Protein backbone atom coordinates (compact mmCIF):
# COMPACT_ATOMS: atom_id res chain seq x y z
CA MET A 1 -0.04 0.12 -0.07
CA GLU A 2 1.26 3.38 -0.86
CA ARG A 3 3.09 5.27 1.98
CA LYS A 4 2.08 8.98 2.59
CA PRO A 5 4.76 10.27 4.19
CA ASP A 6 2.95 14.10 4.47
CA ALA A 7 -0.24 13.16 5.43
CA ALA A 8 -2.29 11.69 8.57
CA LEU A 9 -4.93 9.45 9.44
CA LEU A 10 -7.88 10.36 11.91
CA ILE A 11 -9.94 7.70 13.17
CA VAL A 12 -13.27 9.10 14.24
CA ALA A 13 -15.66 7.16 16.89
CA HIS A 14 -18.39 7.35 19.42
CA GLY A 15 -16.39 6.32 22.56
CA SER A 16 -18.41 6.09 25.96
CA THR A 17 -17.86 7.84 29.40
CA VAL A 18 -18.53 4.49 31.36
CA ASN A 19 -17.31 1.46 29.30
CA PRO A 20 -13.28 1.24 28.49
CA ASP A 21 -14.45 -1.32 26.03
CA SER A 22 -16.16 1.05 23.72
CA SER A 23 -12.91 3.09 22.42
CA ALA A 24 -10.37 -0.21 22.61
CA PRO A 25 -11.00 -1.94 18.91
CA THR A 26 -10.68 1.76 17.40
CA LEU A 27 -7.33 2.72 19.89
CA ALA A 28 -6.19 -1.06 18.47
CA HIS A 29 -7.17 -0.74 15.16
CA ALA A 30 -4.82 2.47 15.17
CA ALA A 31 -1.90 1.09 16.57
CA GLU A 32 -1.81 -1.59 14.25
CA ILE A 33 -2.07 0.93 11.08
CA ARG A 34 0.89 2.95 13.18
CA ARG A 35 2.88 -0.15 12.98
CA ARG A 36 2.72 -0.49 8.96
CA LYS A 37 4.22 2.96 8.89
CA ILE A 38 1.91 4.26 5.99
CA PHE A 39 0.91 7.64 7.32
CA ALA A 40 3.27 9.88 8.87
CA ASP A 41 0.64 9.92 11.68
CA VAL A 42 -2.21 8.34 12.82
CA GLU A 43 -4.62 9.66 15.78
CA CYS A 44 -7.96 8.72 17.14
CA ALA A 45 -10.69 11.39 18.23
CA PHE A 46 -14.50 10.45 19.90
CA TRP A 47 -17.85 12.05 20.62
CA LYS A 48 -17.34 10.70 24.53
CA GLU A 49 -13.81 10.61 25.30
CA GLU A 50 -10.96 12.10 24.89
CA PRO A 51 -9.69 13.44 22.65
CA SER A 52 -12.84 14.85 21.75
CA LEU A 53 -13.13 15.59 17.85
CA ARG A 54 -12.82 19.41 18.53
CA ASP A 55 -9.37 18.43 20.33
CA ALA A 56 -8.73 16.76 16.78
CA LEU A 57 -8.57 20.31 14.91
CA PHE A 58 -5.25 21.09 16.18
CA LEU A 59 -3.68 17.13 16.62
CA PHE A 60 -1.64 18.03 13.21
CA ASP A 61 1.24 20.43 12.59
CA PRO A 62 0.54 22.06 9.10
CA GLU A 63 4.24 22.40 8.73
CA SER A 64 4.43 18.84 7.97
CA ILE A 65 0.92 16.92 7.95
CA HIS A 66 -0.49 18.47 4.64
CA GLU A 67 -3.64 16.02 4.19
CA ILE A 68 -5.47 14.39 6.85
CA TYR A 69 -7.65 11.39 6.09
CA VAL A 70 -10.92 11.25 8.16
CA VAL A 71 -12.54 7.85 8.93
CA PRO A 72 -15.63 7.27 10.87
CA ASN A 73 -15.67 3.93 12.74
CA PHE A 74 -19.32 3.69 12.84
CA ILE A 75 -21.09 0.64 11.29
CA SER A 76 -23.60 3.10 9.51
CA GLU A 77 -24.41 6.08 7.86
CA GLY A 78 -26.62 8.45 10.40
CA TYR A 79 -26.76 11.48 12.58
CA PHE A 80 -23.23 10.69 13.95
CA THR A 81 -21.31 10.56 10.44
CA GLN A 82 -23.83 12.66 8.89
CA THR A 83 -24.13 15.74 11.59
CA VAL A 84 -21.96 15.47 14.45
CA VAL A 85 -18.73 14.86 13.32
CA PRO A 86 -18.84 17.09 10.23
CA ARG A 87 -20.01 19.70 12.40
CA GLU A 88 -16.90 19.05 15.28
CA LEU A 89 -14.41 19.08 12.72
CA GLU A 90 -15.56 21.61 10.84
CA LEU A 91 -15.93 20.19 7.62
CA ASN A 92 -17.75 21.70 4.74
CA GLY A 93 -17.99 18.05 2.76
CA GLN A 94 -15.62 15.51 1.11
CA ILE A 95 -13.02 17.90 1.05
CA THR A 96 -12.24 20.78 3.06
CA LYS A 97 -9.34 23.23 2.57
CA ARG A 98 -8.04 24.84 5.92
CA SER A 99 -6.84 28.40 6.24
CA ASN A 100 -3.60 26.85 7.39
CA GLY A 101 -3.24 25.10 4.04
CA GLN A 102 -4.08 21.53 5.34
CA ILE A 103 -6.62 19.67 3.24
CA TRP A 104 -9.20 17.51 5.25
CA LYS A 105 -10.65 14.33 3.33
CA TYR A 106 -14.02 13.29 4.85
CA CYS A 107 -14.20 9.60 4.27
CA GLU A 108 -16.76 6.71 4.16
CA PRO A 109 -17.74 4.86 7.58
CA VAL A 110 -16.47 1.51 7.64
CA GLY A 111 -20.07 -0.33 7.68
CA ASN A 112 -20.20 0.54 4.21
CA HIS A 113 -16.97 -1.10 2.93
CA PRO A 114 -17.86 -4.78 0.87
CA MET A 115 -15.35 -6.37 3.37
CA MET A 116 -18.08 -6.51 6.00
CA THR A 117 -19.74 -9.37 4.56
CA GLU A 118 -16.48 -11.43 4.43
CA LEU A 119 -15.63 -10.55 8.31
CA LEU A 120 -19.59 -11.44 9.27
CA LEU A 121 -18.82 -14.95 7.95
CA LYS A 122 -15.76 -15.12 9.55
CA ARG A 123 -17.14 -13.87 12.87
CA ALA A 124 -20.26 -16.45 12.79
CA SER A 125 -17.98 -19.13 12.13
CA GLU A 126 -15.39 -18.61 15.01
CA VAL A 127 -18.45 -18.60 17.19
CA ALA A 128 -19.35 -21.68 16.11
CA PRO A 129 -16.91 -23.39 14.21
CA ASP A 130 -18.61 -27.09 14.28
CA ILE A 131 -22.23 -26.51 13.01
CA ASP A 132 -23.69 -26.88 9.70
CA PRO A 133 -24.29 -23.38 8.38
CA ALA A 134 -27.11 -25.01 5.98
CA GLU A 135 -28.72 -25.88 9.07
CA SER A 136 -28.65 -22.88 11.20
CA SER A 137 -29.80 -19.40 11.10
CA LEU A 138 -27.73 -16.47 11.35
CA LEU A 139 -28.81 -13.24 13.02
CA ILE A 140 -27.03 -9.77 12.07
CA VAL A 141 -28.04 -7.76 15.21
CA ALA A 142 -28.33 -3.76 15.30
CA HIS A 143 -29.60 -1.26 17.18
CA GLY A 144 -32.29 0.57 14.90
CA THR A 145 -33.85 3.45 15.88
CA ASP A 146 -36.62 6.03 14.63
CA LEU A 147 -34.55 8.86 14.63
CA ASN A 148 -32.86 8.11 11.61
CA GLU A 149 -33.69 5.38 9.06
CA ASN A 150 -30.39 4.88 8.20
CA SER A 151 -29.37 3.46 11.11
CA ALA A 152 -30.90 0.02 10.07
CA VAL A 153 -29.99 0.17 6.58
CA ALA A 154 -26.33 -1.56 6.94
CA ALA A 155 -27.55 -4.37 8.72
CA LYS A 156 -30.39 -4.93 6.06
CA ARG A 157 -27.92 -4.78 3.44
CA GLU A 158 -25.06 -7.24 4.65
CA ALA A 159 -28.13 -9.71 5.51
CA GLU A 160 -29.52 -9.51 2.09
CA LYS A 161 -25.93 -9.79 0.50
CA ILE A 162 -25.31 -13.33 3.31
CA ARG A 163 -28.27 -14.31 2.06
CA ALA A 164 -27.75 -14.59 -1.52
CA LEU A 165 -24.32 -16.81 -0.84
CA GLY A 166 -26.98 -19.49 0.12
CA LYS A 167 -24.67 -20.62 3.13
CA PHE A 168 -27.15 -20.73 5.94
CA ALA A 169 -30.76 -21.63 6.05
CA ALA A 170 -31.70 -18.77 7.23
CA VAL A 171 -30.31 -14.89 7.53
CA LEU A 172 -31.86 -12.21 9.34
CA ASN A 173 -31.22 -8.57 10.02
CA VAL A 174 -33.11 -8.15 13.64
CA TYR A 175 -32.64 -5.06 15.98
CA MET A 176 -32.72 -3.96 19.70
CA GLU A 177 -35.45 -1.28 18.95
CA GLU A 178 -37.32 -1.79 15.89
CA PRO A 179 -38.86 -4.52 13.82
CA PRO A 180 -37.84 -7.37 13.19
CA LEU A 181 -36.95 -7.57 16.97
CA VAL A 182 -33.95 -9.77 18.16
CA ALA A 183 -36.30 -10.40 20.91
CA ASP A 184 -38.70 -12.59 18.62
CA TRP A 185 -35.59 -14.89 17.53
CA ARG A 186 -37.65 -18.20 18.24
CA LYS A 187 -40.59 -17.08 16.34
CA LEU A 188 -38.47 -15.61 13.53
CA THR A 189 -35.93 -18.99 12.92
CA LYS A 190 -37.01 -22.34 12.63
CA THR A 191 -33.45 -24.24 12.84
CA ARG A 192 -31.89 -25.36 15.88
CA HIS A 193 -28.31 -24.18 15.32
CA VAL A 194 -28.80 -19.84 15.58
CA VAL A 195 -25.85 -17.65 15.65
CA VAL A 196 -25.96 -14.25 16.89
CA VAL A 197 -23.23 -11.16 15.61
CA PRO A 198 -23.61 -8.08 17.04
CA PHE A 199 -23.63 -5.32 14.30
CA PHE A 200 -21.91 -2.94 16.67
CA ILE A 201 -18.02 -1.27 16.52
CA SER A 202 -17.48 -2.11 19.92
CA ASP A 203 -18.43 -4.57 22.76
CA GLY A 204 -20.72 -2.63 25.64
CA LEU A 205 -23.85 -2.44 27.44
CA HIS A 206 -25.67 -3.19 24.47
CA SER A 207 -23.51 -6.93 23.82
CA TYR A 208 -22.78 -7.67 27.38
CA GLU A 209 -26.00 -7.24 28.66
CA ASP A 210 -29.12 -5.52 26.69
CA ILE A 211 -29.00 -8.28 24.17
CA PRO A 212 -28.20 -11.09 25.76
CA ARG A 213 -31.33 -10.58 27.96
CA LEU A 214 -33.44 -9.77 24.44
CA LEU A 215 -32.19 -13.19 23.59
CA GLY A 216 -33.45 -14.93 26.80
CA ILE A 217 -30.10 -15.76 28.09
CA LYS A 218 -30.53 -16.52 31.74
CA GLU A 219 -29.47 -13.70 34.32
CA GLY A 220 -27.29 -16.13 36.17
CA ARG A 221 -25.17 -16.79 33.04
CA LEU A 222 -25.14 -12.77 32.39
CA PRO A 223 -21.42 -11.01 33.41
CA SER A 224 -21.49 -9.16 36.72
CA ARG A 225 -22.32 -5.79 36.65
CA ARG A 226 -20.85 -4.51 40.30
CA LYS A 227 -18.56 -1.37 39.52
CA PRO A 228 -15.39 -1.10 40.66
CA PRO A 229 -14.02 1.93 42.64
CA ASP A 230 -13.16 3.89 39.38
CA GLY A 231 -16.88 3.76 38.70
CA ARG A 232 -16.63 1.86 35.40
CA LEU A 233 -18.41 -0.97 34.13
CA GLY A 234 -17.03 -4.36 35.65
CA SER A 235 -13.70 -6.16 34.84
CA ARG A 236 -13.21 -6.70 31.30
CA PRO A 237 -12.30 -10.69 31.87
CA SER A 238 -15.86 -10.79 33.79
CA LEU A 239 -17.80 -8.99 31.17
CA LYS A 240 -16.18 -11.07 28.00
CA GLU A 241 -17.30 -14.49 29.90
CA ILE A 242 -20.84 -13.78 28.16
CA PHE A 243 -19.12 -15.01 24.94
CA ARG A 244 -17.15 -17.93 26.07
CA CYS A 245 -20.31 -20.27 27.32
CA ASN A 246 -21.38 -21.19 23.94
CA PRO A 247 -23.35 -22.98 23.13
CA TYR A 248 -26.96 -21.30 25.20
CA LYS A 249 -29.09 -23.92 25.21
CA ILE A 250 -32.83 -22.30 25.45
CA GLU A 251 -36.02 -23.98 24.51
CA GLY A 252 -34.58 -27.15 22.97
CA ARG A 253 -32.57 -24.65 20.63
CA CYS A 254 -28.14 -23.87 20.75
CA LEU A 255 -27.66 -20.36 20.62
CA PHE A 256 -23.79 -19.34 19.60
CA TYR A 257 -23.31 -15.48 20.70
CA ALA A 258 -20.04 -13.85 19.20
CA PRO A 259 -18.62 -10.36 20.16
CA SER A 260 -19.17 -6.95 18.39
CA ILE A 261 -17.84 -7.27 14.41
CA GLY A 262 -15.91 -4.22 15.16
CA THR A 263 -13.46 -6.23 17.30
CA GLU A 264 -12.32 -8.15 14.43
CA ALA A 265 -8.75 -7.34 13.72
CA GLY A 266 -9.86 -7.02 9.91
CA PHE A 267 -11.09 -3.67 10.64
CA ALA A 268 -7.71 -2.17 10.01
CA ASP A 269 -7.71 -2.87 6.65
CA ILE A 270 -10.98 -1.82 5.84
CA ILE A 271 -9.95 1.57 7.75
CA LEU A 272 -7.05 2.10 5.31
CA GLU A 273 -9.40 0.78 2.36
CA GLN A 274 -11.81 3.52 3.00
CA ALA A 275 -8.82 5.86 3.30
CA PHE A 276 -7.46 5.22 0.10
CA THR A 277 -10.50 5.21 -1.99
CA ALA A 278 -11.17 9.00 -0.51
CA LYS A 279 -12.22 11.45 -3.00
CA SER A 280 -9.22 13.09 -4.61
């Protein structure tokens, strides 16, 4: 991949004030890209953590960094990618020319990349390696919201693409807050084996607690929510136990529950692809 010695990469994400795992994947992907020495600098900025999106305006020295590629580490286009990030970074389109001479290029969110389909299939295979996909159902779980219709589009698109491959008996896009609901998975699927992949950037309250409860995973199988002295959400080892107890036996079914797709190491390659296909 072509090196850009006078350019920087800025990965922007949501972040969280209570869950350290929220920013962990973004920071890990940035570290991997930094290791490859493609850009002069690789930084991250967050909506709910430090450094903030506004701080990012001052991260890169205009004397040595002439181009900044901004890649949103978000699953779908919506309120944050279309409104919050452009506003906070003072972007006026795909290409923004600053008064200091820098050119900021706003790239597509990672969730729009074609490689997402491959990563979803890989994650499903990893969490349930010994089952026959042809006799199993795959559920891609997204948040869903009535605030922005684009929130559900990415999951629907990926479900359609995987369904067309004919690998699984059924492939469904389901949501936490809009139909088809993940809580209705028993009625929506007919197979004995059901594989569930959260279509989220990071593991947090949704993947650790909310989705498992909606799936019907018993309270005793959920990780501890007790907060340590620093006030943050439980310990990472205890929280991640939810992904290590597969399969879950629920009403005669075998449920395989995977970590969020955004924790997949292949996201580093997607971030780079989005940067290198940015508008010139």
